[in-house]
Amino acid sequence: MVTVRETPVAKTTSASAGGFAVVAETIEVDTTERTELVDLTDTVMAFVRRSGIQEGLLSLWSMHTTCTVFINESQQALEADILTFLEDVVARKKYYRHNDPNHSDCDRQNADSHLRAMLLGHSVTMQISGGELVVGQWQRVLCGEMDGPRTRTIRAQVMGISK
């Protein structure tokens, strides 16, 4: 069953009342591989700074069932390990009913992508303090492409006390 909004979500939105504001933006990510990790940290930090929110929360949401958003270290060897781990846990070549025309109308043969995305998650909530994203020393915001290459949509929304 396809889920469709009555009105498509706008690329950017904002609302405010008193000193409280909500600002949202759509981030597009172009991927080049079937599975890959893309570091969104700098893009997300720039959005938070532009928003004017001084103290509040950031919510990131993947608009796809086979694309993830999560926090981890962005280091080449670790990213390779994450992708290898996902292949070990959810093998692409295994039988899945979702890929079987007798059980599913999906022609992408992407059951593994859905299962991998389920493990990593589709959303992240982070704190904003002093107008900046709160992150640990090695923490990065990563987008996980599990069924590319494609253009993916990540919705970013901040809410809190504005300038």
Protein backbone atom coordinates (compact mmCIF):
# COMPACT_ATOMS: atom_id res chain seq x y z
CA MET A 1 0.00 0.00 0.00
CA VAL A 2 1.38 3.39 -1.02
CA THR A 3 1.21 6.22 1.51
CA VAL A 4 0.52 9.61 -0.09
CA ARG A 5 0.10 13.01 1.56
CA GLU A 6 -2.79 15.18 0.36
CA THR A 7 -0.31 18.03 -0.06
CA PRO A 8 3.34 17.30 -0.86
CA VAL A 9 5.76 18.52 1.79
CA ALA A 10 7.36 21.86 0.89
CA LYS A 11 11.12 22.02 0.35
CA THR A 12 11.41 24.57 3.17
CA THR A 13 8.96 25.65 5.88
CA SER A 14 9.00 27.76 9.01
CA ALA A 15 6.68 28.94 11.76
CA SER A 16 7.16 30.89 14.96
CA ALA A 17 5.30 32.07 18.01
CA GLY A 18 7.02 34.39 20.43
CA GLY A 19 10.59 33.17 20.76
CA PHE A 20 9.76 29.61 19.68
CA ALA A 21 10.38 28.66 16.06
CA VAL A 22 10.19 25.59 13.84
CA VAL A 23 12.23 25.52 10.64
CA ALA A 24 12.39 22.65 8.15
CA GLU A 25 14.37 21.92 5.03
CA THR A 26 14.68 19.04 2.60
CA ILE A 27 18.18 17.70 2.01
CA GLU A 28 18.77 15.81 -1.23
CA VAL A 29 21.52 13.19 -1.36
CA ASP A 30 22.70 11.74 -4.68
CA THR A 31 24.22 8.30 -4.22
CA THR A 32 26.37 6.42 -6.72
CA GLU A 33 26.49 2.86 -5.31
CA ARG A 34 23.91 0.27 -4.28
CA THR A 35 25.16 0.48 -0.70
CA GLU A 36 27.17 3.41 0.57
CA LEU A 37 27.47 5.81 3.46
CA VAL A 38 27.33 9.57 2.95
CA ASP A 39 28.46 12.02 5.65
CA LEU A 40 25.79 14.70 6.11
CA THR A 41 27.30 16.39 9.16
CA ASP A 42 28.51 19.60 7.49
CA THR A 43 25.22 20.02 5.60
CA VAL A 44 23.19 19.48 8.78
CA MET A 45 25.39 21.82 10.83
CA ALA A 46 25.00 24.56 8.20
CA PHE A 47 21.21 24.13 8.27
CA VAL A 48 21.14 24.41 12.08
CA ARG A 49 23.22 27.62 11.94
CA ARG A 50 20.96 29.13 9.24
CA SER A 51 17.83 28.28 11.22
CA GLY A 52 18.57 30.73 14.00
CA ILE A 53 17.58 28.23 16.69
CA GLN A 54 19.73 28.81 19.77
CA GLU A 55 18.48 26.07 22.08
CA GLY A 56 16.34 23.20 20.88
CA LEU A 57 16.19 19.98 18.91
CA LEU A 58 17.02 18.78 15.43
CA SER A 59 15.05 15.93 13.89
CA LEU A 60 16.33 14.16 10.77
CA TRP A 61 14.04 11.79 8.92
CA SER A 62 14.72 9.62 5.87
CA MET A 63 11.79 9.72 3.46
CA HIS A 64 12.64 6.23 2.17
CA THR A 65 12.32 2.69 3.49
CA THR A 66 15.74 1.69 2.12
CA CYS A 67 17.72 4.77 3.17
CA THR A 68 18.89 5.38 6.73
CA VAL A 69 20.08 8.18 9.00
CA PHE A 70 22.31 7.38 11.97
CA ILE A 71 25.24 8.61 14.04
CA ASN A 72 28.68 7.02 14.00
CA GLU A 73 32.28 7.84 13.24
CA SER A 74 33.06 8.70 9.62
CA GLN A 75 36.30 6.88 8.98
CA GLN A 76 36.95 4.98 5.74
CA ALA A 77 37.92 1.65 7.33
CA LEU A 78 34.99 1.77 9.77
CA GLU A 79 32.54 2.61 6.99
CA ALA A 80 33.80 -0.43 5.04
CA ASP A 81 33.35 -2.51 8.21
CA ILE A 82 29.77 -1.25 8.64
CA LEU A 83 28.88 -2.23 5.07
CA THR A 84 30.57 -5.64 5.49
CA PHE A 85 28.71 -6.19 8.77
CA LEU A 86 25.39 -5.43 7.07
CA GLU A 87 26.18 -7.91 4.27
CA ASP A 88 27.12 -10.57 6.85
CA VAL A 89 23.94 -10.04 8.87
CA VAL A 90 21.58 -9.60 5.91
CA ALA A 91 23.01 -11.40 2.88
CA ARG A 92 21.88 -10.08 -0.51
CA LYS A 93 21.79 -13.52 -2.15
CA LYS A 94 19.57 -15.15 0.47
CA TYR A 95 15.95 -16.10 -0.33
CA TYR A 96 13.42 -13.46 0.77
CA ARG A 97 9.66 -13.58 0.18
CA HIS A 98 9.73 -9.88 -0.70
CA ASN A 99 11.84 -10.80 -3.76
CA ASP A 100 9.63 -13.74 -4.75
CA PRO A 101 6.95 -12.86 -7.36
CA ASN A 102 4.72 -15.52 -5.78
CA HIS A 103 4.56 -13.42 -2.60
CA SER A 104 5.32 -9.82 -3.61
CA ASP A 105 4.85 -7.37 -6.46
CA CYS A 106 8.25 -5.74 -5.83
CA ASP A 107 10.49 -5.92 -8.90
CA ARG A 108 13.59 -4.33 -7.32
CA GLN A 109 14.75 -7.51 -5.54
CA ASN A 110 15.62 -5.36 -2.55
CA ALA A 111 14.45 -7.20 0.55
CA ASP A 112 17.99 -7.05 1.92
CA SER A 113 17.92 -3.25 1.57
CA HIS A 114 14.75 -2.97 3.65
CA LEU A 115 16.13 -5.26 6.36
CA ARG A 116 19.47 -3.45 6.52
CA ALA A 117 17.74 -0.08 6.77
CA MET A 118 15.58 -1.44 9.59
CA LEU A 119 18.76 -2.22 11.56
CA LEU A 120 20.26 1.26 11.17
CA GLY A 121 17.05 3.28 11.56
CA HIS A 122 15.32 6.06 9.69
CA SER A 123 15.58 8.99 12.08
CA VAL A 124 17.87 10.82 14.45
CA THR A 125 17.09 13.45 17.09
CA MET A 126 19.92 15.67 18.26
CA GLN A 127 20.30 18.64 20.60
CA ILE A 128 21.07 22.21 19.62
CA SER A 129 22.86 24.43 22.12
CA GLY A 130 24.36 27.87 21.58
CA GLY A 131 23.09 27.82 17.98
CA GLU A 132 25.20 24.75 17.19
CA LEU A 133 24.55 21.03 16.85
CA VAL A 134 25.64 19.07 19.94
CA VAL A 135 27.96 16.25 18.82
CA GLY A 136 30.71 14.23 20.44
CA GLN A 137 34.30 14.48 19.21
CA TRP A 138 34.02 11.67 16.66
CA GLN A 139 30.28 11.70 16.00
CA ARG A 140 29.09 12.29 12.46
CA VAL A 141 25.62 12.23 10.92
CA LEU A 142 25.58 9.51 8.26
CA CYS A 143 23.10 8.65 5.55
CA GLY A 144 23.09 4.97 4.64
CA GLU A 145 22.09 4.13 1.08
CA MET A 146 20.90 0.52 0.97
CA ASP A 147 19.30 0.39 -2.51
CA GLY A 148 21.00 2.88 -4.81
CA PRO A 149 22.14 4.58 -6.76
CA ARG A 150 19.34 7.11 -6.34
CA THR A 151 18.52 10.62 -5.25
CA ARG A 152 17.40 10.42 -1.63
CA THR A 153 15.43 12.88 0.47
CA ILE A 154 16.21 13.59 4.11
CA ARG A 155 13.88 15.94 5.98
CA ALA A 156 15.57 18.16 8.56
CA GLN A 157 13.51 20.06 11.12
CA VAL A 158 14.69 22.18 14.03
CA MET A 159 12.54 23.52 16.81
CA GLY A 160 13.37 25.63 19.79
CA ILE A 161 14.16 29.10 21.04
CA SER A 162 15.27 31.40 18.23
CA LYS A 163 17.45 34.52 18.26
